[in-house]
Amino acid sequence: LRGIHHQAKHLQPYLDEFTWRFNNRNNPNFFDILISSMMKEKATPIKLLNFYWGS
């Protein structure tokens, strides 16, 4: 693992993000889709994020 990807336990989220970015790299509506997706999702509670990331 190189760069900012330091722990193997976080590999799947990194791969998911990379795959999504790669699949949308030529999409002219990329920013609109990203913002729309963010607005449709419910906020994730900080406790759940801390649990997921092991903090």
N, C-alpha and C. Protein backbone atom coordinates (compact mmCIF):
# COMPACT_ATOMS: atom_id res chain seq x y z
N LEU A 1 0.85 -1.19 0.00
CA LEU A 1 0.00 0.00 0.00
C LEU A 1 0.89 1.24 0.00
N ARG A 2 0.57 2.17 -0.90
CA ARG A 2 1.39 3.38 -1.01
C ARG A 2 0.53 4.61 -0.76
N GLY A 3 1.22 5.73 -0.70
CA GLY A 3 0.52 7.00 -0.55
C GLY A 3 -0.18 7.12 0.78
N ILE A 4 -1.43 7.58 0.75
CA ILE A 4 -2.18 7.77 1.99
C ILE A 4 -2.86 6.50 2.46
N HIS A 5 -2.77 5.43 1.67
CA HIS A 5 -3.45 4.18 1.99
C HIS A 5 -2.54 3.31 2.85
N HIS A 6 -2.56 3.57 4.16
CA HIS A 6 -1.58 2.95 5.05
C HIS A 6 -2.02 1.65 5.69
N GLN A 7 -3.30 1.40 5.81
CA GLN A 7 -3.73 0.20 6.52
C GLN A 7 -4.59 -0.67 5.62
N ALA A 8 -4.27 -1.94 5.60
CA ALA A 8 -5.00 -2.88 4.75
C ALA A 8 -6.47 -2.97 5.12
N LYS A 9 -6.81 -2.72 6.40
CA LYS A 9 -8.21 -2.83 6.82
C LYS A 9 -9.08 -1.77 6.15
N HIS A 10 -8.46 -0.70 5.65
CA HIS A 10 -9.21 0.36 4.97
C HIS A 10 -9.12 0.24 3.45
N LEU A 11 -8.61 -0.87 2.96
CA LEU A 11 -8.39 -1.02 1.54
C LEU A 11 -9.69 -0.98 0.73
N GLN A 12 -10.75 -1.65 1.19
CA GLN A 12 -11.99 -1.70 0.42
C GLN A 12 -12.60 -0.32 0.19
N PRO A 13 -12.71 0.55 1.22
CA PRO A 13 -13.23 1.90 0.94
C PRO A 13 -12.37 2.67 -0.05
N TYR A 14 -11.04 2.51 0.01
CA TYR A 14 -10.16 3.17 -0.95
C TYR A 14 -10.43 2.67 -2.37
N LEU A 15 -10.57 1.35 -2.50
CA LEU A 15 -10.84 0.77 -3.81
C LEU A 15 -12.20 1.20 -4.34
N ASP A 16 -13.19 1.27 -3.47
CA ASP A 16 -14.52 1.72 -3.88
C ASP A 16 -14.47 3.14 -4.42
N GLU A 17 -13.76 4.02 -3.71
CA GLU A 17 -13.64 5.41 -4.15
C GLU A 17 -12.90 5.49 -5.48
N PHE A 18 -11.80 4.77 -5.60
CA PHE A 18 -11.02 4.79 -6.84
C PHE A 18 -11.86 4.29 -8.01
N THR A 19 -12.59 3.20 -7.79
CA THR A 19 -13.43 2.64 -8.85
C THR A 19 -14.50 3.62 -9.28
N TRP A 20 -15.15 4.27 -8.32
CA TRP A 20 -16.20 5.24 -8.64
C TRP A 20 -15.62 6.40 -9.44
N ARG A 21 -14.47 6.91 -9.00
CA ARG A 21 -13.83 8.03 -9.71
C ARG A 21 -13.42 7.61 -11.13
N PHE A 22 -12.86 6.42 -11.24
CA PHE A 22 -12.43 5.94 -12.56
C PHE A 22 -13.62 5.79 -13.49
N ASN A 23 -14.70 5.21 -13.00
CA ASN A 23 -15.89 4.99 -13.83
C ASN A 23 -16.56 6.30 -14.24
N ASN A 24 -16.33 7.37 -13.50
CA ASN A 24 -16.97 8.65 -13.80
C ASN A 24 -15.98 9.70 -14.31
N ARG A 25 -14.78 9.30 -14.69
CA ARG A 25 -13.74 10.25 -15.05
C ARG A 25 -14.08 11.10 -16.27
N ASN A 26 -14.87 10.60 -17.20
CA ASN A 26 -15.21 11.34 -18.42
C ASN A 26 -16.64 11.87 -18.41
N ASN A 27 -17.28 11.81 -17.28
CA ASN A 27 -18.67 12.25 -17.17
C ASN A 27 -18.72 13.77 -17.01
N PRO A 28 -19.33 14.48 -17.97
CA PRO A 28 -19.38 15.95 -17.86
C PRO A 28 -20.27 16.42 -16.71
N ASN A 29 -21.14 15.55 -16.21
CA ASN A 29 -22.04 15.90 -15.11
C ASN A 29 -21.53 15.39 -13.77
N PHE A 30 -20.26 15.09 -13.69
CA PHE A 30 -19.66 14.50 -12.50
C PHE A 30 -19.99 15.28 -11.23
N PHE A 31 -19.75 16.57 -11.25
CA PHE A 31 -19.97 17.38 -10.05
C PHE A 31 -21.44 17.39 -9.65
N ASP A 32 -22.33 17.54 -10.62
CA ASP A 32 -23.77 17.54 -10.32
C ASP A 32 -24.22 16.21 -9.72
N ILE A 33 -23.72 15.12 -10.26
CA ILE A 33 -24.07 13.80 -9.74
C ILE A 33 -23.54 13.63 -8.32
N LEU A 34 -22.32 14.07 -8.10
CA LEU A 34 -21.71 13.96 -6.77
C LEU A 34 -22.51 14.73 -5.73
N ILE A 35 -22.83 15.99 -6.02
CA ILE A 35 -23.59 16.81 -5.08
C ILE A 35 -24.98 16.24 -4.86
N SER A 36 -25.62 15.81 -5.93
CA SER A 36 -26.96 15.23 -5.81
C SER A 36 -26.94 13.97 -4.94
N SER A 37 -25.94 13.13 -5.13
CA SER A 37 -25.82 11.91 -4.33
C SER A 37 -25.60 12.24 -2.86
N MET A 38 -24.79 13.25 -2.60
CA MET A 38 -24.52 13.64 -1.21
C MET A 38 -25.77 14.18 -0.53
N MET A 39 -26.59 14.89 -1.27
CA MET A 39 -27.80 15.49 -0.69
C MET A 39 -28.88 14.45 -0.43
N LYS A 40 -28.89 13.36 -1.18
CA LYS A 40 -29.92 12.33 -1.03
C LYS A 40 -29.67 11.40 0.15
N GLU A 41 -28.43 11.29 0.57
CA GLU A 41 -28.07 10.37 1.65
C GLU A 41 -28.33 11.00 3.02
N LYS A 42 -28.72 10.15 3.96
CA LYS A 42 -28.85 10.62 5.34
C LYS A 42 -27.46 10.81 5.93
N ALA A 43 -27.35 11.76 6.82
CA ALA A 43 -26.07 12.00 7.49
C ALA A 43 -25.71 10.79 8.35
N THR A 44 -24.44 10.45 8.37
CA THR A 44 -23.96 9.35 9.18
C THR A 44 -23.53 9.89 10.54
N PRO A 45 -24.07 9.35 11.63
CA PRO A 45 -23.70 9.82 12.97
C PRO A 45 -22.20 9.63 13.22
N ILE A 46 -21.60 10.56 13.93
CA ILE A 46 -20.17 10.51 14.20
C ILE A 46 -19.78 9.24 14.97
N LYS A 47 -20.66 8.75 15.83
CA LYS A 47 -20.35 7.51 16.57
C LYS A 47 -20.19 6.33 15.62
N LEU A 48 -21.02 6.28 14.59
CA LEU A 48 -20.92 5.20 13.62
C LEU A 48 -19.64 5.33 12.80
N LEU A 49 -19.30 6.55 12.43
CA LEU A 49 -18.05 6.77 11.70
C LEU A 49 -16.85 6.37 12.54
N ASN A 50 -16.86 6.75 13.81
CA ASN A 50 -15.76 6.39 14.70
C ASN A 50 -15.65 4.88 14.86
N PHE A 51 -16.80 4.20 14.96
CA PHE A 51 -16.80 2.75 15.08
C PHE A 51 -16.23 2.12 13.82
N TYR A 52 -16.67 2.61 12.67
CA TYR A 52 -16.22 2.05 11.39
C TYR A 52 -14.73 2.25 11.18
N TRP A 53 -14.23 3.43 11.51
CA TRP A 53 -12.82 3.74 11.28
C TRP A 53 -11.94 3.35 12.46
N GLY A 54 -12.53 2.81 13.52
CA GLY A 54 -11.74 2.31 14.64
C GLY A 54 -11.19 3.37 15.55
N SER A 55 -11.85 4.51 15.61
CA SER A 55 -11.37 5.59 16.50
C SER A 55 -11.97 5.46 17.88
